[in-house]
Amino acid sequence: MSGTGADDTILAVDHLSIASMAGTTVLDAVSLQVRRGEVLALIGASGSGKTTLALAALGHLRPGLVTTGGSVRLDGTDMLKAPQAVLNRMRGQTASYIAQSAAAAFNPRIRLGDQVIESALLHRSQTPDQARARARELFSYISLPTPDRIGTRFPYQVSGGQLQRFMIAMGMQEEPLLLVCDEPTSALDVTTQVEVMRLLKQVIADNQTAALFVSHDLAVVAQIATRIAVMRAGRIVEIGETRQIIESPREDYTRELIAACQHLSLGALAQKPPRAAQGAAKALTVAGLTAGYGKVAGGVPQIPTLHGVDLQVGKGEIVAVIGESGSGKTTLARVIAGLHAPALGTVTLNGEMLAGLDAQRTAAQRRRVQLAVQMADTALNPKHRLRRILGRVLFFFHGLKGAAAEARMRELLAMVSLPAHYLDRYPTEISGGEKQRVNLARALAAEPEILICDEITSALDTIVAGQIVALVKRLRDELGLTIIFISHDLATVASIADRVTVLRHGRVVEAGESAAVLSAPTDPYTRLLVASVPELRQGWLEDAAAMRAALATQLEASRPDAA
């Protein structure tokens, strides 16, 4: 390992400029340094260049991008000029990557333990026995259950939070100097997010590892970062110590980011005016819904995920469904959309009972209920331009083509704050947040009555998330759209939902007006969720630990089978 110099600089970026093959600037003369034991957070709106800069630290440029100036030095090596053999050796050993979506990063057909040690075996930095021992040590360190055996599981056999912990173990397997963390908590529910934040902070401190932390969530960044670099349109507009950036920002754009974060907070409940009652008409009724996986015996699936769930949504209402990963939120959404057959129970749309599966429903019924899914990366065909992705929906449901379809597609992109020329782009040519907006536009193209939004803001920066929340509320008001809003982000739920239903282990534990449920929850589980929402201040993570521990104890004592 080469030295990092007297100042312990691990990563040095000097006037780095990157552009597309067409000449569009992506990064414009960016300079920064990251030292041992330091966490530098990159924040900014989608498309600001955060991920491009983070990947450049690993010597990687996405297809269609070229370096037009500057350098990126990792432990003294220029990563953008180094031979591929050098990059292969350094990735995993000198720097490692913790991705946003662990579900997409792991191979579902390979056991988790084998994937964690793969890099060490390829680099021959550890013998197989040493690598497996190191992995077991890491599994114990990051509090995975049964660390001696859990590595034999496949990715689909663990929870989302556990999978993200495996990502951290993979990143730490060879004790790298730099961790590049690209939105590592954005896809997690609030309780799991807190544990992963605590774990990352502990890992970095214990190992004196440097970290580049990409995030759109300032409240999370406040708990993790030593310093913050604010990016906009490929430039760093402000950089400084975390406290200074949060409490005394110098730039208007930074103040805009902070204001957006404060708007999407539980405190937004206090400013949210009550919505006038819309009458007793129910657009959607779910009654006694039981669903799961495997063979069904006596109306009970082999692996149940929903147990007798009831849900009513009034016309023009926004009802949020919240809960941790594995609580049954997405299964509920898929059953309502006809993508997953229920074992028991019914789904009724405006008094009309719907068949269990989409294929058994009429075209009109399929149009009236649309689902905007969480993972836009897997929902959008990477081989099709956005024009074809949106155009297929318009033709299928409305018979639109030619100029009429073109005009409607432009309207749809405008509704989700994307320019019309994006119609000629492929999903791989736009950012993660932009993909999610296209995902939403595709659902809206059917002109549904019921729109199910499954974590549609989880990949968006605070400014864009606020815009999407405002868009969803406007659509409800202007079109009379009825919305089921599934989310693990309680702050967003607080700003958008009329009512909230709380799921735990597939059962409804609390439901009611959003202000009442989130401001004064009665169930211990809901209280734990609310206590897990990060606040935009340093030290919240440590302050919240004791409160969360007490609530977890209370929750365990409240279990029906508790002694």
Protein backbone atom coordinates (compact mmCIF):
# COMPACT_ATOMS: atom_id res chain seq x y z
CA MET A 1 0.00 0.00 0.00
CA SER A 2 1.46 3.35 -0.96
CA GLY A 3 1.45 6.26 1.42
CA THR A 4 -1.23 8.89 1.40
CA GLY A 5 1.00 11.79 2.34
CA ALA A 6 1.43 13.76 5.53
CA ASP A 7 -2.15 15.02 5.46
CA ASP A 8 -3.62 11.48 5.18
CA THR A 9 -5.43 12.32 1.95
CA ILE A 10 -7.06 9.19 0.52
CA LEU A 11 -8.93 10.76 -2.40
CA ALA A 12 -7.92 13.91 -4.28
CA VAL A 13 -10.08 15.24 -7.10
CA ASP A 14 -8.46 18.13 -8.99
CA HIS A 15 -10.45 20.24 -11.46
CA LEU A 16 -12.25 17.19 -12.82
CA SER A 17 -14.41 17.82 -15.88
CA ILE A 18 -16.56 15.16 -17.54
CA ALA A 19 -18.87 15.54 -20.52
CA SER A 20 -21.13 13.41 -22.69
CA MET A 21 -20.06 12.36 -26.17
CA ALA A 22 -22.48 15.01 -27.45
CA GLY A 23 -20.56 17.69 -25.53
CA THR A 24 -22.96 18.23 -22.61
CA THR A 25 -21.07 19.10 -19.42
CA VAL A 26 -21.69 16.64 -16.58
CA LEU A 27 -18.93 17.70 -14.16
CA ASP A 28 -17.31 21.14 -14.42
CA ALA A 29 -13.87 21.62 -12.81
CA VAL A 30 -14.72 19.79 -9.56
CA SER A 31 -12.08 19.73 -6.84
CA LEU A 32 -12.22 18.10 -3.40
CA GLN A 33 -10.25 15.96 -0.97
CA VAL A 34 -11.25 13.17 1.42
CA ARG A 35 -8.95 12.22 4.30
CA ARG A 36 -8.64 9.13 6.44
CA GLY A 37 -11.53 8.80 8.92
CA GLU A 38 -13.51 11.54 7.17
CA VAL A 39 -16.97 11.28 5.61
CA LEU A 40 -17.56 13.76 2.80
CA ALA A 41 -21.22 13.85 1.74
CA LEU A 42 -22.26 14.84 -1.77
CA ILE A 43 -25.74 16.34 -1.87
CA GLY A 44 -27.77 17.97 -4.61
CA ALA A 45 -30.69 17.40 -6.93
CA SER A 46 -30.92 14.47 -9.32
CA GLY A 47 -28.65 15.09 -12.29
CA SER A 48 -26.26 17.32 -10.33
CA GLY A 49 -23.35 14.92 -10.95
CA LYS A 50 -23.13 13.26 -7.53
CA THR A 51 -23.05 9.66 -8.74
CA THR A 52 -20.80 10.51 -11.72
CA LEU A 53 -18.26 11.98 -9.30
CA ALA A 54 -18.56 9.04 -6.91
CA LEU A 55 -18.02 6.50 -9.69
CA ALA A 56 -15.04 8.48 -10.99
CA ALA A 57 -13.39 7.83 -7.61
CA LEU A 58 -13.48 4.15 -8.59
CA GLY A 59 -12.10 4.88 -12.06
CA HIS A 60 -15.43 4.27 -13.74
CA LEU A 61 -17.31 6.41 -16.24
CA ARG A 62 -20.76 5.45 -17.43
CA PRO A 63 -21.12 4.70 -21.17
CA GLY A 64 -21.22 7.86 -23.27
CA LEU A 65 -19.12 9.95 -20.86
CA VAL A 66 -15.53 11.15 -21.37
CA THR A 67 -13.01 13.03 -19.23
CA THR A 68 -12.28 16.50 -20.57
CA GLY A 69 -9.87 17.65 -17.88
CA GLY A 70 -8.51 17.18 -14.39
CA SER A 71 -7.66 14.09 -12.36
CA VAL A 72 -8.90 11.70 -9.70
CA ARG A 73 -6.18 10.29 -7.45
CA LEU A 74 -6.98 7.45 -5.06
CA ASP A 75 -4.08 6.65 -2.73
CA GLY A 76 -1.79 8.33 -5.26
CA THR A 77 -3.10 6.48 -8.36
CA ASP A 78 -4.78 8.45 -11.15
CA MET A 79 -7.94 6.37 -11.47
CA LEU A 80 -8.97 7.76 -14.86
CA LYS A 81 -5.63 6.92 -16.49
CA ALA A 82 -4.73 3.68 -14.71
CA PRO A 83 -4.67 0.43 -16.73
CA GLN A 84 -7.63 -1.88 -16.29
CA ALA A 85 -5.50 -4.41 -14.40
CA VAL A 86 -4.63 -1.76 -11.80
CA LEU A 87 -8.27 -0.72 -11.45
CA ASN A 88 -9.35 -4.34 -11.03
CA ARG A 89 -6.84 -4.76 -8.23
CA MET A 90 -7.77 -1.52 -6.45
CA ARG A 91 -11.54 -2.02 -6.58
CA GLY A 92 -12.38 -3.89 -3.43
CA GLN A 93 -8.92 -3.56 -1.91
CA THR A 94 -8.27 0.20 -1.96
CA ALA A 95 -11.84 1.37 -2.56
CA SER A 96 -15.19 -0.38 -2.47
CA TYR A 97 -18.71 0.52 -3.48
CA ILE A 98 -21.90 0.27 -1.42
CA ALA A 99 -24.81 0.59 -3.82
CA GLN A 100 -28.23 2.15 -3.35
CA SER A 101 -30.17 -1.00 -4.14
CA ALA A 102 -28.74 -4.12 -2.57
CA ALA A 103 -31.58 -6.10 -4.17
CA ALA A 104 -30.28 -5.19 -7.63
CA ALA A 105 -26.61 -5.55 -6.69
CA PHE A 106 -26.66 -9.18 -5.55
CA ASN A 107 -26.96 -12.19 -7.85
CA PRO A 108 -30.12 -14.02 -6.71
CA ARG A 109 -28.66 -17.42 -7.71
CA ILE A 110 -25.46 -17.23 -5.63
CA ARG A 111 -25.30 -17.63 -1.86
CA LEU A 112 -24.62 -14.41 0.01
CA GLY A 113 -21.47 -15.61 1.74
CA ASP A 114 -19.90 -16.57 -1.57
CA GLN A 115 -20.66 -13.12 -3.01
CA VAL A 116 -19.19 -11.33 0.01
CA ILE A 117 -15.82 -13.14 -0.29
CA GLU A 118 -15.67 -13.16 -4.11
CA SER A 119 -13.46 -10.06 -4.43
CA ALA A 120 -10.93 -11.31 -1.86
CA LEU A 121 -10.64 -14.63 -3.70
CA LEU A 122 -10.28 -12.96 -7.10
CA HIS A 123 -7.54 -10.66 -5.76
CA ARG A 124 -5.95 -13.56 -3.84
CA SER A 125 -5.64 -11.21 -0.89
CA GLN A 126 -7.09 -13.91 1.37
CA THR A 127 -7.16 -17.69 1.25
CA PRO A 128 -10.64 -19.27 1.09
CA ASP A 129 -10.45 -20.15 4.79
CA GLN A 130 -9.28 -16.63 5.70
CA ALA A 131 -11.99 -15.04 3.56
CA ARG A 132 -14.75 -17.14 5.13
CA ALA A 133 -13.44 -16.41 8.63
CA ARG A 134 -13.27 -12.69 7.85
CA ALA A 135 -16.85 -12.78 6.48
CA ARG A 136 -18.16 -14.53 9.61
CA GLU A 137 -16.37 -11.94 11.73
CA LEU A 138 -18.01 -9.14 9.75
CA PHE A 139 -21.46 -10.79 9.95
CA SER A 140 -21.15 -10.83 13.73
CA TYR A 141 -19.80 -7.27 13.82
CA ILE A 142 -22.75 -5.90 11.82
CA SER A 143 -25.26 -7.84 13.96
CA LEU A 144 -26.55 -10.29 11.37
CA PRO A 145 -28.36 -13.21 13.00
CA THR A 146 -26.59 -16.59 13.19
CA PRO A 147 -23.37 -15.24 11.65
CA ASP A 148 -21.92 -18.73 11.23
CA ARG A 149 -24.82 -19.85 9.01
CA ILE A 150 -26.51 -16.82 7.46
CA GLY A 151 -23.97 -16.69 4.62
CA THR A 152 -25.50 -19.86 3.19
CA ARG A 153 -28.73 -18.02 2.39
CA PHE A 154 -29.67 -16.59 -0.99
CA PRO A 155 -30.49 -12.84 -1.39
CA TYR A 156 -34.25 -13.46 -1.53
CA GLN A 157 -34.12 -15.27 1.82
CA VAL A 158 -33.18 -12.19 3.89
CA SER A 159 -34.85 -8.85 4.56
CA GLY A 160 -33.97 -5.61 2.81
CA GLY A 161 -32.15 -4.32 5.87
CA GLN A 162 -30.15 -7.53 6.20
CA LEU A 163 -29.27 -7.39 2.49
CA GLN A 164 -27.94 -3.86 2.93
CA ARG A 165 -25.81 -5.11 5.82
CA PHE A 166 -24.39 -7.77 3.52
CA MET A 167 -23.48 -4.94 1.12
CA ILE A 168 -21.52 -3.30 3.94
CA ALA A 169 -19.80 -6.59 4.76
CA MET A 170 -18.88 -7.03 1.09
CA GLY A 171 -17.47 -3.50 1.02
CA MET A 172 -15.38 -4.09 4.16
CA GLN A 173 -14.15 -7.62 3.31
CA GLU A 174 -10.71 -6.38 2.16
CA GLU A 175 -10.49 -3.40 4.57
CA PRO A 176 -10.42 -0.68 1.89
CA LEU A 177 -9.14 2.85 2.42
CA LEU A 178 -12.24 4.42 0.84
CA LEU A 179 -15.92 3.50 0.93
CA VAL A 180 -18.07 4.98 -1.83
CA CYS A 181 -21.64 4.91 -0.48
CA ASP A 182 -24.27 5.72 -3.11
CA GLU A 183 -27.61 6.37 -1.35
CA PRO A 184 -27.10 3.34 0.95
CA THR A 185 -30.13 4.08 3.14
CA SER A 186 -32.68 5.58 0.73
CA ALA A 187 -34.43 2.28 -0.02
CA LEU A 188 -34.74 1.30 3.66
CA ASP A 189 -37.62 1.76 6.09
CA VAL A 190 -37.03 4.24 8.90
CA THR A 191 -36.17 1.75 11.65
CA THR A 192 -33.75 -0.18 9.43
CA GLN A 193 -32.30 3.09 8.11
CA VAL A 194 -31.35 4.14 11.63
CA GLU A 195 -29.56 0.86 12.28
CA VAL A 196 -27.68 1.03 8.97
CA MET A 197 -26.69 4.66 9.65
CA ARG A 198 -25.41 3.68 13.09
CA LEU A 199 -23.53 0.73 11.61
CA LEU A 200 -21.91 2.75 8.82
CA LYS A 201 -20.83 5.41 11.28
CA GLN A 202 -19.34 2.75 13.56
CA VAL A 203 -17.57 0.93 10.69
CA ILE A 204 -15.98 4.15 9.43
CA ALA A 205 -14.88 5.25 12.90
CA ASP A 206 -13.54 1.86 14.00
CA ASN A 207 -11.54 1.34 10.81
CA GLN A 208 -10.57 4.98 10.18
CA THR A 209 -11.87 4.50 6.65
CA ALA A 210 -12.49 7.48 4.41
CA ALA A 211 -15.96 7.67 2.87
CA LEU A 212 -17.65 9.47 0.00
CA PHE A 213 -21.36 9.46 0.91
CA VAL A 214 -23.86 10.29 -1.86
CA SER A 215 -27.33 11.18 -0.60
CA HIS A 216 -30.33 13.39 -1.25
CA ASP A 217 -31.43 13.16 2.40
CA LEU A 218 -29.92 16.01 4.43
CA ALA A 219 -31.28 14.60 7.69
CA VAL A 220 -29.33 11.37 7.09
CA VAL A 221 -26.25 13.30 5.98
CA ALA A 222 -26.35 15.32 9.22
CA GLN A 223 -25.85 12.11 11.21
CA ILE A 224 -23.03 10.67 9.08
CA ALA A 225 -20.98 13.40 7.42
CA THR A 226 -17.91 15.25 8.62
CA ARG A 227 -18.14 17.67 5.72
CA ILE A 228 -20.72 18.36 3.00
CA ALA A 229 -20.21 19.31 -0.65
CA VAL A 230 -23.29 20.79 -2.32
CA MET A 231 -23.50 20.06 -6.04
CA ARG A 232 -25.59 21.73 -8.71
CA ALA A 233 -25.40 21.24 -12.48
CA GLY A 234 -22.03 19.52 -12.27
CA ARG A 235 -20.33 22.06 -10.01
CA ILE A 236 -19.63 22.28 -6.29
CA VAL A 237 -21.41 25.43 -5.20
CA GLU A 238 -20.57 25.14 -1.50
CA ILE A 239 -18.40 22.92 0.68
CA GLY A 240 -17.81 23.04 4.41
CA GLU A 241 -18.17 21.42 7.81
CA THR A 242 -21.53 19.73 8.34
CA ARG A 243 -22.67 22.08 11.10
CA GLN A 244 -21.83 25.16 9.06
CA ILE A 245 -23.67 23.89 5.98
CA ILE A 246 -26.80 23.00 7.96
CA GLU A 247 -26.91 25.98 10.31
CA SER A 248 -25.28 28.76 8.27
CA PRO A 249 -25.40 27.97 4.55
CA ARG A 250 -23.86 30.63 2.34
CA GLU A 251 -25.53 29.80 -0.99
CA ASP A 252 -29.17 30.26 -1.93
CA TYR A 253 -29.26 26.78 -3.46
CA THR A 254 -28.09 25.18 -0.21
CA ARG A 255 -30.79 27.09 1.66
CA GLU A 256 -33.30 25.77 -0.89
CA LEU A 257 -32.22 22.17 -0.19
CA ILE A 258 -32.49 22.71 3.56
CA ALA A 259 -35.92 24.32 3.22
CA ALA A 260 -37.13 21.38 1.14
CA CYS A 261 -35.87 18.94 3.78
CA GLN A 262 -37.61 20.88 6.54
CA HIS A 263 -40.84 20.97 4.52
CA LEU A 264 -40.80 17.19 4.13
CA SER A 265 -40.72 16.55 7.87
CA LEU A 266 -43.10 15.39 10.56
CA GLY A 267 -43.26 19.03 11.58
CA ALA A 268 -45.15 19.62 8.33
CA LEU A 269 -48.19 18.20 10.08
CA ALA A 270 -48.50 21.36 12.15
CA GLN A 271 -48.80 23.49 9.00
CA LYS A 272 -50.99 21.08 7.06
CA PRO A 273 -54.56 22.40 6.90
CA PRO A 274 -57.30 19.83 7.50
CA ARG A 275 -58.95 18.60 4.31
CA ALA A 276 -62.69 18.97 3.96
CA ALA A 277 -64.64 15.73 4.24
CA GLN A 278 -65.50 14.20 0.85
CA GLY A 279 -68.56 12.26 1.93
CA ALA A 280 -69.05 8.56 2.51
CA ALA A 281 -68.39 7.34 -1.05
CA LYS A 282 -65.67 4.71 -1.11
CA ALA A 283 -63.61 4.35 -4.26
CA LEU A 284 -61.82 1.21 -3.07
CA THR A 285 -62.58 -1.32 -0.36
CA VAL A 286 -60.30 -4.16 0.71
CA ALA A 287 -61.97 -6.66 3.05
CA GLY A 288 -60.44 -9.57 4.95
CA LEU A 289 -57.46 -9.80 2.66
CA THR A 290 -55.10 -12.72 3.27
CA ALA A 291 -52.25 -13.32 0.84
CA GLY A 292 -48.80 -14.82 0.66
CA TYR A 293 -46.67 -17.34 -1.17
CA GLY A 294 -46.63 -21.09 -1.64
CA LYS A 295 -49.49 -23.57 -1.54
CA VAL A 296 -52.78 -22.42 -0.01
CA ALA A 297 -54.47 -24.71 2.51
CA GLY A 298 -57.75 -23.69 4.15
CA GLY A 299 -57.37 -20.15 2.81
CA VAL A 300 -53.90 -19.75 4.39
CA PRO A 301 -50.77 -19.56 2.18
CA GLN A 302 -47.70 -21.54 3.12
CA ILE A 303 -45.84 -18.25 3.68
CA PRO A 304 -48.48 -15.64 4.64
CA THR A 305 -47.62 -11.95 4.25
CA LEU A 306 -51.07 -10.41 4.82
CA HIS A 307 -53.52 -11.53 7.51
CA GLY A 308 -57.14 -10.37 7.20
CA VAL A 309 -56.31 -6.82 6.13
CA ASP A 310 -59.12 -4.26 5.78
CA LEU A 311 -58.64 -0.96 3.96
CA GLN A 312 -61.08 1.68 2.75
CA VAL A 313 -60.14 4.61 0.51
CA GLY A 314 -62.61 7.40 -0.16
CA LYS A 315 -62.98 9.07 -3.54
CA GLY A 316 -60.32 11.73 -4.01
CA GLU A 317 -58.52 10.65 -0.86
CA ILE A 318 -54.84 9.94 -0.26
CA VAL A 319 -54.35 7.03 2.13
CA ALA A 320 -50.82 6.09 3.11
CA VAL A 321 -49.75 2.58 4.06
CA ILE A 322 -46.61 2.50 6.19
CA GLY A 323 -44.51 -0.12 7.94
CA GLU A 324 -41.10 -1.76 7.89
CA SER A 325 -39.72 -3.95 5.11
CA GLY A 326 -41.60 -7.23 5.20
CA SER A 327 -44.74 -5.73 6.73
CA GLY A 328 -46.79 -6.56 3.62
CA LYS A 329 -47.10 -3.11 2.02
CA THR A 330 -46.00 -4.14 -1.47
CA THR A 331 -47.99 -7.39 -1.35
CA LEU A 332 -51.08 -5.31 -0.58
CA ALA A 333 -50.32 -3.04 -3.55
CA ARG A 334 -49.82 -6.00 -5.89
CA VAL A 335 -53.08 -7.67 -4.80
CA ILE A 336 -55.06 -4.47 -5.40
CA ALA A 337 -53.40 -4.06 -8.81
CA GLY A 338 -54.19 -7.67 -9.73
CA LEU A 339 -50.55 -8.78 -9.85
CA HIS A 340 -50.83 -11.16 -6.89
CA ALA A 341 -53.80 -13.43 -6.20
CA PRO A 342 -55.32 -13.23 -2.70
CA ALA A 343 -55.94 -16.42 -0.73
CA LEU A 344 -58.96 -14.89 1.01
CA GLY A 345 -60.79 -11.58 0.92
CA THR A 346 -62.05 -9.17 -1.71
CA VAL A 347 -61.07 -5.99 -3.54
CA THR A 348 -63.98 -3.77 -4.61
CA LEU A 349 -63.69 -0.77 -6.94
CA ASN A 350 -66.66 1.63 -6.81
CA GLY A 351 -68.92 -1.20 -5.71
CA GLU A 352 -67.65 -3.56 -8.41
CA MET A 353 -65.77 -6.62 -7.15
CA LEU A 354 -62.49 -7.15 -8.98
CA ALA A 355 -61.11 -10.53 -10.02
CA GLY A 356 -58.02 -11.63 -8.17
CA LEU A 357 -55.60 -11.41 -11.09
CA ASP A 358 -55.10 -8.71 -13.73
CA ALA A 359 -55.54 -11.19 -16.59
CA GLN A 360 -59.07 -11.93 -15.35
CA ARG A 361 -60.08 -8.25 -15.21
CA THR A 362 -61.53 -6.26 -18.09
CA ALA A 363 -59.40 -3.71 -19.97
CA ALA A 364 -61.41 -0.91 -18.35
CA GLN A 365 -60.75 -2.32 -14.87
CA ARG A 366 -57.03 -2.63 -15.60
CA ARG A 367 -56.91 0.98 -16.80
CA ARG A 368 -58.72 2.26 -13.72
CA VAL A 369 -56.16 0.80 -11.27
CA GLN A 370 -52.52 1.60 -11.99
CA LEU A 371 -49.37 0.87 -10.01
CA ALA A 372 -46.24 3.03 -10.00
CA VAL A 373 -43.61 0.65 -8.62
CA GLN A 374 -40.59 1.36 -6.45
CA MET A 375 -37.78 -0.01 -8.60
CA ALA A 376 -37.77 2.07 -11.79
CA ASP A 377 -34.48 0.42 -12.78
CA THR A 378 -36.24 -2.90 -13.22
CA ALA A 379 -39.60 -1.49 -14.37
CA LEU A 380 -38.33 0.40 -17.44
CA ASN A 381 -37.01 -1.60 -20.39
CA PRO A 382 -33.41 -0.38 -20.91
CA LYS A 383 -33.58 -1.22 -24.65
CA HIS A 384 -36.55 1.08 -25.35
CA ARG A 385 -36.56 4.87 -25.63
CA LEU A 386 -38.92 6.74 -23.34
CA ARG A 387 -41.05 7.56 -26.38
CA ARG A 388 -41.84 3.87 -26.86
CA ILE A 389 -42.28 3.19 -23.13
CA LEU A 390 -44.95 5.88 -22.79
CA GLY A 391 -46.38 5.43 -26.27
CA ARG A 392 -47.26 1.76 -25.70
CA VAL A 393 -49.48 2.68 -22.76
CA LEU A 394 -51.20 5.47 -24.67
CA PHE A 395 -51.93 3.17 -27.62
CA PHE A 396 -53.04 0.21 -25.51
CA PHE A 397 -55.52 2.10 -23.33
CA HIS A 398 -56.49 5.06 -25.50
CA GLY A 399 -55.58 4.13 -29.09
CA LEU A 400 -53.37 7.24 -29.40
CA LYS A 401 -50.63 7.37 -32.01
CA GLY A 402 -48.87 9.91 -34.20
CA ALA A 403 -49.20 13.59 -33.33
CA ALA A 404 -51.84 12.99 -30.66
CA ALA A 405 -49.60 10.52 -28.82
CA GLU A 406 -46.61 12.86 -29.19
CA ALA A 407 -48.52 15.77 -27.65
CA ARG A 408 -49.76 13.65 -24.76
CA MET A 409 -46.27 12.27 -24.04
CA ARG A 410 -44.91 15.80 -23.84
CA GLU A 411 -47.69 16.68 -21.39
CA LEU A 412 -46.88 13.64 -19.26
CA LEU A 413 -43.18 14.52 -19.08
CA ALA A 414 -44.05 18.10 -18.17
CA MET A 415 -46.28 16.81 -15.37
CA VAL A 416 -43.32 15.03 -13.80
CA SER A 417 -40.87 17.90 -14.43
CA LEU A 418 -38.90 16.38 -17.31
CA PRO A 419 -38.11 18.13 -20.62
CA ALA A 420 -39.74 16.93 -23.84
CA HIS A 421 -36.43 15.99 -25.48
CA TYR A 422 -36.07 13.15 -22.94
CA LEU A 423 -38.50 11.20 -25.12
CA ASP A 424 -35.54 10.24 -27.30
CA ARG A 425 -33.46 8.97 -24.38
CA TYR A 426 -33.07 5.45 -23.04
CA PRO A 427 -33.55 4.74 -19.30
CA THR A 428 -29.79 4.17 -18.99
CA GLU A 429 -29.20 7.77 -20.09
CA ILE A 430 -31.10 9.40 -17.23
CA SER A 431 -30.57 9.55 -13.46
CA GLY A 432 -32.29 7.34 -10.88
CA GLY A 433 -34.63 10.11 -9.83
CA GLU A 434 -35.51 10.85 -13.44
CA LYS A 435 -36.29 7.17 -14.05
CA GLN A 436 -38.74 7.23 -11.16
CA ARG A 437 -40.49 10.26 -12.65
CA VAL A 438 -40.82 8.40 -15.97
CA ASN A 439 -42.19 5.45 -14.02
CA LEU A 440 -44.85 7.71 -12.55
CA ALA A 441 -45.62 9.26 -15.94
CA ARG A 442 -46.19 5.80 -17.41
CA ALA A 443 -48.77 5.02 -14.72
CA LEU A 444 -50.50 8.36 -15.31
CA ALA A 445 -50.63 7.69 -19.08
CA ALA A 446 -53.49 5.23 -18.49
CA GLU A 447 -55.53 8.01 -16.81
CA PRO A 448 -56.41 5.82 -13.82
CA GLU A 449 -59.01 6.37 -11.11
CA ILE A 450 -56.91 4.59 -8.50
CA LEU A 451 -53.18 5.28 -8.47
CA ILE A 452 -51.04 3.10 -6.21
CA CYS A 453 -47.69 4.75 -5.51
CA ASP A 454 -45.22 2.22 -4.12
CA GLU A 455 -42.24 4.12 -2.68
CA ILE A 456 -42.19 6.55 -5.63
CA THR A 457 -40.14 9.19 -3.76
CA SER A 458 -37.58 6.89 -2.13
CA ALA A 459 -34.96 7.51 -4.86
CA LEU A 460 -35.59 11.25 -5.24
CA ASP A 461 -33.73 14.20 -3.80
CA THR A 462 -35.63 16.42 -1.37
CA ILE A 463 -36.44 19.14 -3.91
CA VAL A 464 -37.74 16.70 -6.53
CA ALA A 465 -39.53 14.64 -3.86
CA GLY A 466 -41.30 17.81 -2.78
CA GLN A 467 -42.26 18.48 -6.39
CA ILE A 468 -43.62 14.94 -6.79
CA VAL A 469 -45.61 15.25 -3.56
CA ALA A 470 -47.07 18.53 -4.81
CA LEU A 471 -47.79 16.88 -8.17
CA VAL A 472 -49.62 13.95 -6.58
CA LYS A 473 -51.75 16.29 -4.47
CA ARG A 474 -52.51 18.44 -7.52
CA LEU A 475 -53.53 15.40 -9.54
CA ARG A 476 -55.85 14.37 -6.74
CA ASP A 477 -57.41 17.83 -6.59
CA GLU A 478 -57.70 18.44 -10.35
CA LEU A 479 -58.60 14.95 -11.57
CA GLY A 480 -60.36 13.56 -8.53
CA LEU A 481 -57.70 10.85 -8.46
CA THR A 482 -57.79 8.42 -5.54
CA ILE A 483 -54.34 7.49 -4.26
CA ILE A 484 -52.85 4.74 -2.14
CA PHE A 485 -49.42 6.01 -1.11
CA ILE A 486 -47.08 3.29 0.14
CA SER A 487 -43.92 4.55 1.76
CA HIS A 488 -41.33 4.01 4.46
CA ASP A 489 -40.70 7.79 4.54
CA LEU A 490 -42.93 9.08 7.32
CA ALA A 491 -41.95 12.68 6.65
CA THR A 492 -43.31 12.48 3.11
CA VAL A 493 -46.40 10.65 4.39
CA ALA A 494 -46.98 13.46 6.88
CA SER A 495 -47.02 16.04 4.09
CA ILE A 496 -49.28 14.18 1.69
CA ALA A 497 -51.65 11.70 3.36
CA ASP A 498 -55.19 12.34 4.58
CA ARG A 499 -55.23 9.06 6.47
CA VAL A 500 -52.60 6.48 7.46
CA THR A 501 -52.77 2.71 7.88
CA VAL A 502 -49.89 1.06 9.76
CA LEU A 503 -48.93 -2.52 8.87
CA ARG A 504 -46.77 -4.83 10.97
CA HIS A 505 -46.13 -8.46 10.03
CA GLY A 506 -49.06 -8.30 7.60
CA ARG A 507 -51.61 -6.98 10.12
CA VAL A 508 -53.12 -3.53 10.60
CA VAL A 509 -51.98 -2.26 14.01
CA GLU A 510 -53.22 1.34 13.75
CA ALA A 511 -55.21 3.49 11.32
CA GLY A 512 -56.68 6.97 11.32
CA GLU A 513 -56.20 10.59 10.32
CA SER A 514 -52.54 11.22 9.46
CA ALA A 515 -52.09 14.05 11.96
CA ALA A 516 -53.46 11.92 14.78
CA VAL A 517 -51.54 8.75 13.92
CA LEU A 518 -48.18 10.43 13.33
CA SER A 519 -48.38 13.13 16.01
CA ALA A 520 -49.88 11.03 18.80
CA PRO A 521 -49.63 7.34 17.91
CA THR A 522 -51.25 4.89 20.29
CA ASP A 523 -49.57 1.65 19.21
CA PRO A 524 -45.98 1.02 20.43
CA TYR A 525 -44.92 0.00 16.93
CA THR A 526 -46.16 3.27 15.40
CA ARG A 527 -44.38 5.17 18.18
CA LEU A 528 -41.15 3.34 17.26
CA LEU A 529 -41.58 4.29 13.58
CA VAL A 530 -42.13 7.95 14.44
CA ALA A 531 -39.14 7.98 16.80
CA SER A 532 -36.95 6.66 13.96
CA VAL A 533 -37.46 9.61 11.60
CA PRO A 534 -34.10 11.47 11.45
CA GLU A 535 -34.05 15.14 12.35
CA LEU A 536 -31.99 17.75 10.53
CA ARG A 537 -29.46 18.24 13.33
CA GLN A 538 -26.18 16.69 14.30
CA GLY A 539 -26.33 14.30 17.24
CA TRP A 540 -29.88 13.11 16.62
CA LEU A 541 -28.68 9.55 15.92
CA GLU A 542 -27.06 9.28 19.33
CA ASP A 543 -29.91 11.06 21.14
CA ALA A 544 -32.50 8.76 19.59
CA ALA A 545 -30.74 5.54 20.62
CA ALA A 546 -32.04 5.41 24.21
CA MET A 547 -35.60 6.34 23.21
CA ARG A 548 -35.67 3.71 20.48
CA ALA A 549 -34.33 1.05 22.84
CA ALA A 550 -37.08 1.80 25.38
CA LEU A 551 -39.76 1.68 22.67
CA ALA A 552 -38.39 -1.59 21.30
CA THR A 553 -38.59 -3.11 24.78
CA GLN A 554 -42.15 -1.88 25.18
CA LEU A 555 -43.06 -3.28 21.77
CA GLU A 556 -41.63 -6.68 22.63
CA ALA A 557 -43.57 -6.72 25.91
CA SER A 558 -46.80 -5.91 24.05
CA ARG A 559 -46.61 -9.02 21.86
CA PRO A 560 -49.57 -11.35 22.42
CA ASP A 561 -47.22 -14.29 23.03
CA ALA A 562 -44.89 -12.37 25.34
CA ALA A 563 -44.46 -13.89 28.79
